[in-house]
Structures are given as structure tokens and as C-alpha cells.
Amino acid sequence: LVEPIKCRPIKTILLTNDLTDSVMSEAEAMNCD
């Protein structure tokens, strides 16, 4: 559904049931790919 403009290696994947603001903050904090 969302593809980054610049491709980068996938090092961290976050699994969630729903994508919310708090989950996105969690993903940003862990440098999720």
C-alpha cells in the first residue's frame, strides 16, 4: 500500500493488527523498514 521512494534493504519488519498513530511512532522509533 505504501512504497518508499528510495529502496533500502529490509532489516526490521513490524507486525501489527492495525496501523495507528501509536504503532507508527513505534515503527519510527525502531527504524522499521
Full PDB file with SEQRES, HELIX, SHEET, SSBOND, CRYST1, ORIGX, SCALE, CONECT and MASTER records, all heavy atoms in Angstrom:
SEQRES   1 A   33  LEU VAL GLU PRO ILE LYS CYS ARG PRO ILE LYS THR ILE          
SEQRES   2 A   33  LEU LEU THR ASN ASP LEU THR ASP SER VAL MET SER GLU          
SEQRES   3 A   33  ALA GLU ALA MET ASN CYS ASP                                  
HELIX    1 AA1 ASP A   21  ALA A   29  1                                   9    
CRYST1    1.000    1.000    1.000  90.00  90.00  90.00 P 1           1          
ORIGX1      1.000000  0.000000  0.000000        0.00000                         
ORIGX2      0.000000  1.000000  0.000000        0.00000                         
ORIGX3      0.000000  0.000000  1.000000        0.00000                         
SCALE1      1.000000  0.000000  0.000000        0.00000                         
SCALE2      0.000000  1.000000  0.000000        0.00000                         
SCALE3      0.000000  0.000000  1.000000        0.00000                         
ATOM      1  N   LEU A   1       0.809  -1.216   0.000  1.00  0.00           N  
ATOM      2  CA  LEU A   1       0.000   0.000   0.000  1.00  0.00           C  
ATOM      3  C   LEU A   1       0.841   1.265   0.000  1.00  0.00           C  
ATOM      4  O   LEU A   1       0.412   2.302  -0.493  1.00  0.00           O  
ATOM      5  CB  LEU A   1      -0.937   0.013   1.217  1.00  0.00           C  
ATOM      6  CG  LEU A   1      -1.872  -1.190   1.366  1.00  0.00           C  
ATOM      7  CD1 LEU A   1      -2.810  -0.969   2.550  1.00  0.00           C  
ATOM      8  CD2 LEU A   1      -2.671  -1.430   0.092  1.00  0.00           C  
ATOM      9  N   VAL A   2       2.038   1.188   0.586  1.00  0.00           N  
ATOM     10  CA  VAL A   2       2.965   2.325   0.590  1.00  0.00           C  
ATOM     11  C   VAL A   2       4.342   1.805   0.205  1.00  0.00           C  
ATOM     12  O   VAL A   2       4.847   0.863   0.819  1.00  0.00           O  
ATOM     13  CB  VAL A   2       3.033   3.007   1.977  1.00  0.00           C  
ATOM     14  CG1 VAL A   2       4.063   4.134   1.958  1.00  0.00           C  
ATOM     15  CG2 VAL A   2       1.665   3.536   2.384  1.00  0.00           C  
ATOM     16  N   GLU A   3       4.931   2.431  -0.810  1.00  0.00           N  
ATOM     17  CA  GLU A   3       6.267   2.027  -1.267  1.00  0.00           C  
ATOM     18  C   GLU A   3       7.228   3.201  -1.131  1.00  0.00           C  
ATOM     19  O   GLU A   3       6.944   4.293  -1.626  1.00  0.00           O  
ATOM     20  CB  GLU A   3       6.218   1.577  -2.728  1.00  0.00           C  
ATOM     21  CG  GLU A   3       7.546   1.095  -3.262  1.00  0.00           C  
ATOM     22  CD  GLU A   3       7.445   0.596  -4.697  1.00  0.00           C  
ATOM     23  OE1 GLU A   3       6.402   0.820  -5.331  1.00  0.00           O  
ATOM     24  OE2 GLU A   3       8.415  -0.021  -5.180  1.00  0.00           O  
ATOM     25  N   PRO A   4       8.340   3.013  -0.454  1.00  0.00           N  
ATOM     26  CA  PRO A   4       9.309   4.105  -0.298  1.00  0.00           C  
ATOM     27  C   PRO A   4       9.862   4.559  -1.641  1.00  0.00           C  
ATOM     28  O   PRO A   4       9.972   3.766  -2.587  1.00  0.00           O  
ATOM     29  CB  PRO A   4      10.409   3.486   0.571  1.00  0.00           C  
ATOM     30  CG  PRO A   4       9.781   2.291   1.202  1.00  0.00           C  
ATOM     31  CD  PRO A   4       8.768   1.793   0.221  1.00  0.00           C  
ATOM     32  N   ILE A   5      10.218   5.830  -1.713  1.00  0.00           N  
ATOM     33  CA  ILE A   5      10.797   6.357  -2.943  1.00  0.00           C  
ATOM     34  C   ILE A   5      12.165   5.738  -3.188  1.00  0.00           C  
ATOM     35  O   ILE A   5      12.504   5.340  -4.302  1.00  0.00           O  
ATOM     36  CB  ILE A   5      10.910   7.892  -2.857  1.00  0.00           C  
ATOM     37  CG1 ILE A   5       9.516   8.522  -2.773  1.00  0.00           C  
ATOM     38  CG2 ILE A   5      11.665   8.444  -4.075  1.00  0.00           C  
ATOM     39  CD1 ILE A   5       9.536  10.025  -2.559  1.00  0.00           C  
ATOM     40  N   LYS A   6      12.953   5.641  -2.134  1.00  0.00           N  
ATOM     41  CA  LYS A   6      14.284   5.045  -2.222  1.00  0.00           C  
ATOM     42  C   LYS A   6      14.249   3.644  -1.634  1.00  0.00           C  
ATOM     43  O   LYS A   6      13.865   3.461  -0.491  1.00  0.00           O  
ATOM     44  CB  LYS A   6      15.316   5.907  -1.488  1.00  0.00           C  
ATOM     45  CG  LYS A   6      15.544   7.265  -2.122  1.00  0.00           C  
ATOM     46  CD  LYS A   6      16.637   8.030  -1.381  1.00  0.00           C  
ATOM     47  CE  LYS A   6      16.887   9.390  -2.040  1.00  0.00           C  
ATOM     48  NZ  LYS A   6      17.940  10.140  -1.331  1.00  0.00           N  
ATOM     49  N   CYS A   7      14.654   2.674  -2.426  1.00  0.00           N  
ATOM     50  CA  CYS A   7      14.689   1.288  -1.941  1.00  0.00           C  
ATOM     51  C   CYS A   7      15.862   1.112  -0.985  1.00  0.00           C  
ATOM     52  O   CYS A   7      16.934   1.662  -1.199  1.00  0.00           O  
ATOM     53  CB  CYS A   7      14.829   0.313  -3.116  1.00  0.00           C  
ATOM     54  SG  CYS A   7      13.416   0.323  -4.222  1.00  0.00           S  
ATOM     55  N   ARG A   8      15.643   0.354   0.071  1.00  0.00           N  
ATOM     56  CA  ARG A   8      16.704   0.066   1.023  1.00  0.00           C  
ATOM     57  C   ARG A   8      16.527  -1.361   1.514  1.00  0.00           C  
ATOM     58  O   ARG A   8      15.427  -1.914   1.456  1.00  0.00           O  
ATOM     59  CB  ARG A   8      16.674   1.055   2.181  1.00  0.00           C  
ATOM     60  CG  ARG A   8      15.454   0.941   3.086  1.00  0.00           C  
ATOM     61  CD  ARG A   8      15.407   2.094   4.071  1.00  0.00           C  
ATOM     62  NE  ARG A   8      14.402   1.924   5.100  1.00  0.00           N  
ATOM     63  CZ  ARG A   8      13.957   2.889   5.892  1.00  0.00           C  
ATOM     64  NH1 ARG A   8      14.455   4.116   5.743  1.00  0.00           N  
ATOM     65  NH2 ARG A   8      13.054   2.657   6.810  1.00  0.00           N  
ATOM     66  N   PRO A   9      17.585  -1.966   1.991  1.00  0.00           N  
ATOM     67  CA  PRO A   9      17.466  -3.338   2.483  1.00  0.00           C  
ATOM     68  C   PRO A   9      16.466  -3.415   3.632  1.00  0.00           C  
ATOM     69  O   PRO A   9      16.367  -2.509   4.451  1.00  0.00           O  
ATOM     70  CB  PRO A   9      18.885  -3.656   2.966  1.00  0.00           C  
ATOM     71  CG  PRO A   9      19.766  -2.702   2.234  1.00  0.00           C  
ATOM     72  CD  PRO A   9      18.965  -1.462   2.051  1.00  0.00           C  
ATOM     73  N   ILE A  10      15.725  -4.516   3.670  1.00  0.00           N  
ATOM     74  CA  ILE A  10      14.763  -4.729   4.746  1.00  0.00           C  
ATOM     75  C   ILE A  10      15.488  -5.403   5.906  1.00  0.00           C  
ATOM     76  O   ILE A  10      15.914  -6.547   5.813  1.00  0.00           O  
ATOM     77  CB  ILE A  10      13.590  -5.607   4.269  1.00  0.00           C  
ATOM     78  CG1 ILE A  10      12.894  -4.967   3.074  1.00  0.00           C  
ATOM     79  CG2 ILE A  10      12.604  -5.834   5.413  1.00  0.00           C  
ATOM     80  CD1 ILE A  10      12.281  -3.610   3.335  1.00  0.00           C  
ATOM     81  N   LYS A  11      15.625  -4.649   6.994  1.00  0.00           N  
ATOM     82  CA  LYS A  11      16.304  -5.170   8.183  1.00  0.00           C  
ATOM     83  C   LYS A  11      15.329  -5.423   9.340  1.00  0.00           C  
ATOM     84  O   LYS A  11      15.548  -6.312  10.142  1.00  0.00           O  
ATOM     85  CB  LYS A  11      17.397  -4.189   8.639  1.00  0.00           C  
ATOM     86  CG  LYS A  11      18.513  -3.989   7.608  1.00  0.00           C  
ATOM     87  CD  LYS A  11      19.536  -2.994   8.115  1.00  0.00           C  
ATOM     88  CE  LYS A  11      20.630  -2.773   7.085  1.00  0.00           C  
ATOM     89  NZ  LYS A  11      21.618  -1.753   7.546  1.00  0.00           N  
ATOM     90  N   THR A  12      14.267  -4.596   9.410  1.00  0.00           N  
ATOM     91  CA  THR A  12      13.314  -4.718  10.511  1.00  0.00           C  
ATOM     92  C   THR A  12      11.886  -4.679   9.971  1.00  0.00           C  
ATOM     93  O   THR A  12      11.530  -3.766   9.216  1.00  0.00           O  
ATOM     94  CB  THR A  12      13.492  -3.587  11.536  1.00  0.00           C  
ATOM     95  OG1 THR A  12      14.838  -3.575  11.992  1.00  0.00           O  
ATOM     96  CG2 THR A  12      12.545  -3.780  12.718  1.00  0.00           C  
ATOM     97  N   ILE A  13      11.085  -5.674  10.367  1.00  0.00           N  
ATOM     98  CA  ILE A  13       9.678  -5.754   9.980  1.00  0.00           C  
ATOM     99  C   ILE A  13       8.834  -5.706  11.252  1.00  0.00           C  
ATOM    100  O   ILE A  13       9.114  -6.416  12.216  1.00  0.00           O  
ATOM    101  CB  ILE A  13       9.378  -7.054   9.218  1.00  0.00           C  
ATOM    102  CG1 ILE A  13      10.178  -7.115   7.915  1.00  0.00           C  
ATOM    103  CG2 ILE A  13       7.888  -7.184   8.921  1.00  0.00           C  
ATOM    104  CD1 ILE A  13      10.052  -8.441   7.178  1.00  0.00           C  
ATOM    105  N   LEU A  14       7.819  -4.860  11.251  1.00  0.00           N  
ATOM    106  CA  LEU A  14       6.917  -4.754  12.396  1.00  0.00           C  
ATOM    107  C   LEU A  14       5.552  -5.315  12.018  1.00  0.00           C  
ATOM    108  O   LEU A  14       4.941  -4.887  11.034  1.00  0.00           O  
ATOM    109  CB  LEU A  14       6.772  -3.298  12.824  1.00  0.00           C  
ATOM    110  CG  LEU A  14       5.900  -3.035  14.062  1.00  0.00           C  
ATOM    111  CD1 LEU A  14       6.536  -3.666  15.299  1.00  0.00           C  
ATOM    112  CD2 LEU A  14       5.692  -1.532  14.273  1.00  0.00           C  
ATOM    113  N   LEU A  15       5.059  -6.282  12.793  1.00  0.00           N  
ATOM    114  CA  LEU A  15       3.748  -6.873  12.577  1.00  0.00           C  
ATOM    115  C   LEU A  15       2.730  -6.210  13.490  1.00  0.00           C  
ATOM    116  O   LEU A  15       2.959  -6.093  14.701  1.00  0.00           O  
ATOM    117  CB  LEU A  15       3.770  -8.376  12.864  1.00  0.00           C  
ATOM    118  CG  LEU A  15       4.684  -9.250  12.015  1.00  0.00           C  
ATOM    119  CD1 LEU A  15       4.551 -10.716  12.447  1.00  0.00           C  
ATOM    120  CD2 LEU A  15       4.363  -9.113  10.544  1.00  0.00           C  
ATOM    121  N   THR A  16       1.598  -5.805  12.923  1.00  0.00           N  
ATOM    122  CA  THR A  16       0.535  -5.185  13.707  1.00  0.00           C  
ATOM    123  C   THR A  16      -0.820  -5.568  13.137  1.00  0.00           C  
ATOM    124  O   THR A  16      -0.931  -5.882  11.943  1.00  0.00           O  
ATOM    125  CB  THR A  16       0.687  -3.647  13.731  1.00  0.00           C  
ATOM    126  OG1 THR A  16      -0.327  -3.083  14.572  1.00  0.00           O  
ATOM    127  CG2 THR A  16       0.539  -3.062  12.337  1.00  0.00           C  
ATOM    128  N   ASN A  17      -1.825  -5.550  13.983  1.00  0.00           N  
ATOM    129  CA  ASN A  17      -3.175  -5.832  13.502  1.00  0.00           C  
ATOM    130  C   ASN A  17      -3.766  -4.587  12.849  1.00  0.00           C  
ATOM    131  O   ASN A  17      -4.432  -4.656  11.839  1.00  0.00           O  
ATOM    132  CB  ASN A  17      -4.073  -6.296  14.650  1.00  0.00           C  
ATOM    133  CG  ASN A  17      -5.268  -7.085  14.169  1.00  0.00           C  
ATOM    134  OD1 ASN A  17      -5.167  -8.266  13.886  1.00  0.00           O  
ATOM    135  ND2 ASN A  17      -6.410  -6.421  14.054  1.00  0.00           N  
ATOM    136  N   ASP A  18      -3.499  -3.421  13.479  1.00  0.00           N  
ATOM    137  CA  ASP A  18      -3.971  -2.136  12.952  1.00  0.00           C  
ATOM    138  C   ASP A  18      -2.830  -1.141  12.962  1.00  0.00           C  
ATOM    139  O   ASP A  18      -2.029  -1.104  13.922  1.00  0.00           O  
ATOM    140  CB  ASP A  18      -5.127  -1.592  13.795  1.00  0.00           C  
ATOM    141  CG  ASP A  18      -6.372  -2.451  13.713  1.00  0.00           C  
ATOM    142  OD1 ASP A  18      -7.031  -2.428  12.653  1.00  0.00           O  
ATOM    143  OD2 ASP A  18      -6.683  -3.149  14.687  1.00  0.00           O  
ATOM    144  N   LEU A  19      -2.752  -0.317  11.930  1.00  0.00           N  
ATOM    145  CA  LEU A  19      -1.751   0.736  11.886  1.00  0.00           C  
ATOM    146  C   LEU A  19      -2.376   2.011  12.435  1.00  0.00           C  
ATOM    147  O   LEU A  19      -3.254   2.608  11.808  1.00  0.00           O  
ATOM    148  CB  LEU A  19      -1.249   0.947  10.463  1.00  0.00           C  
ATOM    149  CG  LEU A  19      -0.147   2.000  10.289  1.00  0.00           C  
ATOM    150  CD1 LEU A  19       1.035   1.724  11.206  1.00  0.00           C  
ATOM    151  CD2 LEU A  19       0.304   2.067   8.833  1.00  0.00           C  
ATOM    152  N   THR A  20      -1.940   2.396  13.608  1.00  0.00           N  
ATOM    153  CA  THR A  20      -2.432   3.598  14.270  1.00  0.00           C  
ATOM    154  C   THR A  20      -1.278   4.567  14.471  1.00  0.00           C  
ATOM    155  O   THR A  20      -0.121   4.248  14.181  1.00  0.00           O  
ATOM    156  CB  THR A  20      -3.050   3.246  15.637  1.00  0.00           C  
ATOM    157  OG1 THR A  20      -2.033   2.633  16.452  1.00  0.00           O  
ATOM    158  CG2 THR A  20      -4.222   2.279  15.476  1.00  0.00           C  
ATOM    159  N   ASP A  21      -1.583   5.763  15.003  1.00  0.00           N  
ATOM    160  CA  ASP A  21      -0.527   6.745  15.262  1.00  0.00           C  
ATOM    161  C   ASP A  21       0.511   6.190  16.229  1.00  0.00           C  
ATOM    162  O   ASP A  21       1.723   6.386  16.040  1.00  0.00           O  
ATOM    163  CB  ASP A  21      -1.136   8.034  15.836  1.00  0.00           C  
ATOM    164  CG  ASP A  21      -1.693   8.940  14.747  1.00  0.00           C  
ATOM    165  OD1 ASP A  21      -0.991   9.180  13.753  1.00  0.00           O  
ATOM    166  OD2 ASP A  21      -2.837   9.398  14.887  1.00  0.00           O  
ATOM    167  N   SER A  22       0.050   5.481  17.265  1.00  0.00           N  
ATOM    168  CA  SER A  22       0.993   4.951  18.255  1.00  0.00           C  
ATOM    169  C   SER A  22       1.866   3.844  17.658  1.00  0.00           C  
ATOM    170  O   SER A  22       3.055   3.748  17.980  1.00  0.00           O  
ATOM    171  CB  SER A  22       0.240   4.426  19.473  1.00  0.00           C  
ATOM    172  OG  SER A  22      -0.694   3.426  19.108  1.00  0.00           O  
ATOM    173  N   VAL A  23       1.289   3.036  16.767  1.00  0.00           N  
ATOM    174  CA  VAL A  23       2.066   1.983  16.107  1.00  0.00           C  
ATOM    175  C   VAL A  23       3.085   2.616  15.155  1.00  0.00           C  
ATOM    176  O   VAL A  23       4.231   2.163  15.055  1.00  0.00           O  
ATOM    177  CB  VAL A  23       1.156   0.992  15.363  1.00  0.00           C  
ATOM    178  CG1 VAL A  23       1.983   0.011  14.533  1.00  0.00           C  
ATOM    179  CG2 VAL A  23       0.279   0.233  16.348  1.00  0.00           C  
ATOM    180  N   MET A  24       2.680   3.678  14.452  1.00  0.00           N  
ATOM    181  CA  MET A  24       3.616   4.350  13.546  1.00  0.00           C  
ATOM    182  C   MET A  24       4.765   4.972  14.324  1.00  0.00           C  
ATOM    183  O   MET A  24       5.932   4.907  13.891  1.00  0.00           O  
ATOM    184  CB  MET A  24       2.881   5.426  12.743  1.00  0.00           C  
ATOM    185  CG  MET A  24       3.777   6.197  11.776  1.00  0.00           C  
ATOM    186  SD  MET A  24       4.638   5.135  10.570  1.00  0.00           S  
ATOM    187  CE  MET A  24       3.275   4.727   9.478  1.00  0.00           C  
ATOM    188  N   SER A  25       4.474   5.548  15.493  1.00  0.00           N  
ATOM    189  CA  SER A  25       5.544   6.102  16.330  1.00  0.00           C  
ATOM    190  C   SER A  25       6.508   5.004  16.762  1.00  0.00           C  
ATOM    191  O   SER A  25       7.734   5.201  16.795  1.00  0.00           O  
ATOM    192  CB  SER A  25       4.941   6.786  17.565  1.00  0.00           C  
ATOM    193  OG  SER A  25       4.161   7.906  17.187  1.00  0.00           O  
ATOM    194  N   GLU A  26       5.952   3.844  17.085  1.00  0.00           N  
ATOM    195  CA  GLU A  26       6.773   2.693  17.450  1.00  0.00           C  
ATOM    196  C   GLU A  26       7.669   2.280  16.288  1.00  0.00           C  
ATOM    197  O   GLU A  26       8.869   2.002  16.469  1.00  0.00           O  
ATOM    198  CB  GLU A  26       5.851   1.541  17.851  1.00  0.00           C  
ATOM    199  CG  GLU A  26       6.540   0.268  18.278  1.00  0.00           C  
ATOM    200  CD  GLU A  26       5.547  -0.848  18.588  1.00  0.00           C  
ATOM    201  OE1 GLU A  26       4.377  -0.751  18.157  1.00  0.00           O  
ATOM    202  OE2 GLU A  26       5.948  -1.829  19.240  1.00  0.00           O  
ATOM    203  N   ALA A  27       7.116   2.255  15.080  1.00  0.00           N  
ATOM    204  CA  ALA A  27       7.877   1.869  13.888  1.00  0.00           C  
ATOM    205  C   ALA A  27       8.991   2.864  13.600  1.00  0.00           C  
ATOM    206  O   ALA A  27      10.115   2.486  13.247  1.00  0.00           O  
ATOM    207  CB  ALA A  27       6.938   1.757  12.688  1.00  0.00           C  
ATOM    208  N   GLU A  28       8.701   4.157  13.764  1.00  0.00           N  
ATOM    209  CA  GLU A  28       9.709   5.193  13.530  1.00  0.00           C  
ATOM    210  C   GLU A  28      10.844   5.081  14.548  1.00  0.00           C  
ATOM    211  O   GLU A  28      12.024   5.212  14.192  1.00  0.00           O  
ATOM    212  CB  GLU A  28       9.055   6.573  13.611  1.00  0.00           C  
ATOM    213  CG  GLU A  28       8.083   6.863  12.463  1.00  0.00           C  
ATOM    214  CD  GLU A  28       7.235   8.098  12.713  1.00  0.00           C  
ATOM    215  OE1 GLU A  28       7.045   8.458  13.905  1.00  0.00           O  
ATOM    216  OE2 GLU A  28       6.744   8.678  11.738  1.00  0.00           O  
ATOM    217  N   ALA A  29      10.477   4.823  15.799  1.00  0.00           N  
ATOM    218  CA  ALA A  29      11.491   4.747  16.861  1.00  0.00           C  
ATOM    219  C   ALA A  29      12.441   3.582  16.663  1.00  0.00           C  
ATOM    220  O   ALA A  29      13.619   3.659  17.038  1.00  0.00           O  
ATOM    221  CB  ALA A  29      10.798   4.636  18.220  1.00  0.00           C  
ATOM    222  N   MET A  30      11.968   2.491  16.059  1.00  0.00           N  
ATOM    223  CA  MET A  30      12.814   1.308  15.869  1.00  0.00           C  
ATOM    224  C   MET A  30      13.439   1.271  14.473  1.00  0.00           C  
ATOM    225  O   MET A  30      14.027   0.264  14.080  1.00  0.00           O  
ATOM    226  CB  MET A  30      12.009   0.031  16.117  1.00  0.00           C  
ATOM    227  CG  MET A  30      10.871  -0.187  15.148  1.00  0.00           C  
ATOM    228  SD  MET A  30       9.724  -1.502  15.686  1.00  0.00           S  
ATOM    229  CE  MET A  30      10.809  -2.906  15.805  1.00  0.00           C  
ATOM    230  N   ASN A  31      13.320   2.373  13.715  1.00  0.00           N  
ATOM    231  CA  ASN A  31      13.864   2.446  12.356  1.00  0.00           C  
ATOM    232  C   ASN A  31      13.358   1.291  11.489  1.00  0.00           C  
ATOM    233  O   ASN A  31      14.132   0.632  10.769  1.00  0.00           O  
ATOM    234  CB  ASN A  31      15.403   2.449  12.382  1.00  0.00           C  
ATOM    235  CG  ASN A  31      15.971   3.693  13.032  1.00  0.00           C  
ATOM    236  OD1 ASN A  31      15.496   4.793  12.768  1.00  0.00           O  
ATOM    237  ND2 ASN A  31      16.964   3.524  13.888  1.00  0.00           N  
ATOM    238  N   CYS A  32      12.086   1.049  11.586  1.00  0.00           N  
ATOM    239  CA  CYS A  32      11.448  -0.047  10.841  1.00  0.00           C  
ATOM    240  C   CYS A  32      11.518   0.205   9.337  1.00  0.00           C  
ATOM    241  O   CYS A  32      11.451   1.346   8.868  1.00  0.00           O  
ATOM    242  CB  CYS A  32       9.988  -0.153  11.310  1.00  0.00           C  
ATOM    243  SG  CYS A  32       9.025  -1.383  10.454  1.00  0.00           S  
ATOM    244  N   ASP A  33      11.666  -0.854   8.576  1.00  0.00           N  
ATOM    245  CA  ASP A  33      11.715  -0.749   7.113  1.00  0.00           C  
ATOM    246  C   ASP A  33      10.399  -1.172   6.452  1.00  0.00           C  
ATOM    247  O   ASP A  33      10.077  -0.725   5.361  1.00  0.00           O  
ATOM    248  CB  ASP A  33      12.842  -1.628   6.566  1.00  0.00           C  
ATOM    249  CG  ASP A  33      14.181  -1.273   7.172  1.00  0.00           C  
ATOM    250  OD1 ASP A  33      14.609  -0.126   6.992  1.00  0.00           O  
ATOM    251  OD2 ASP A  33      14.772  -2.140   7.843  1.00  0.00           O  
TER     252      ASP A  33                                                      
MASTER        0    0    0    1    0    0    0    6  251    1    0    3          
END                                                                             
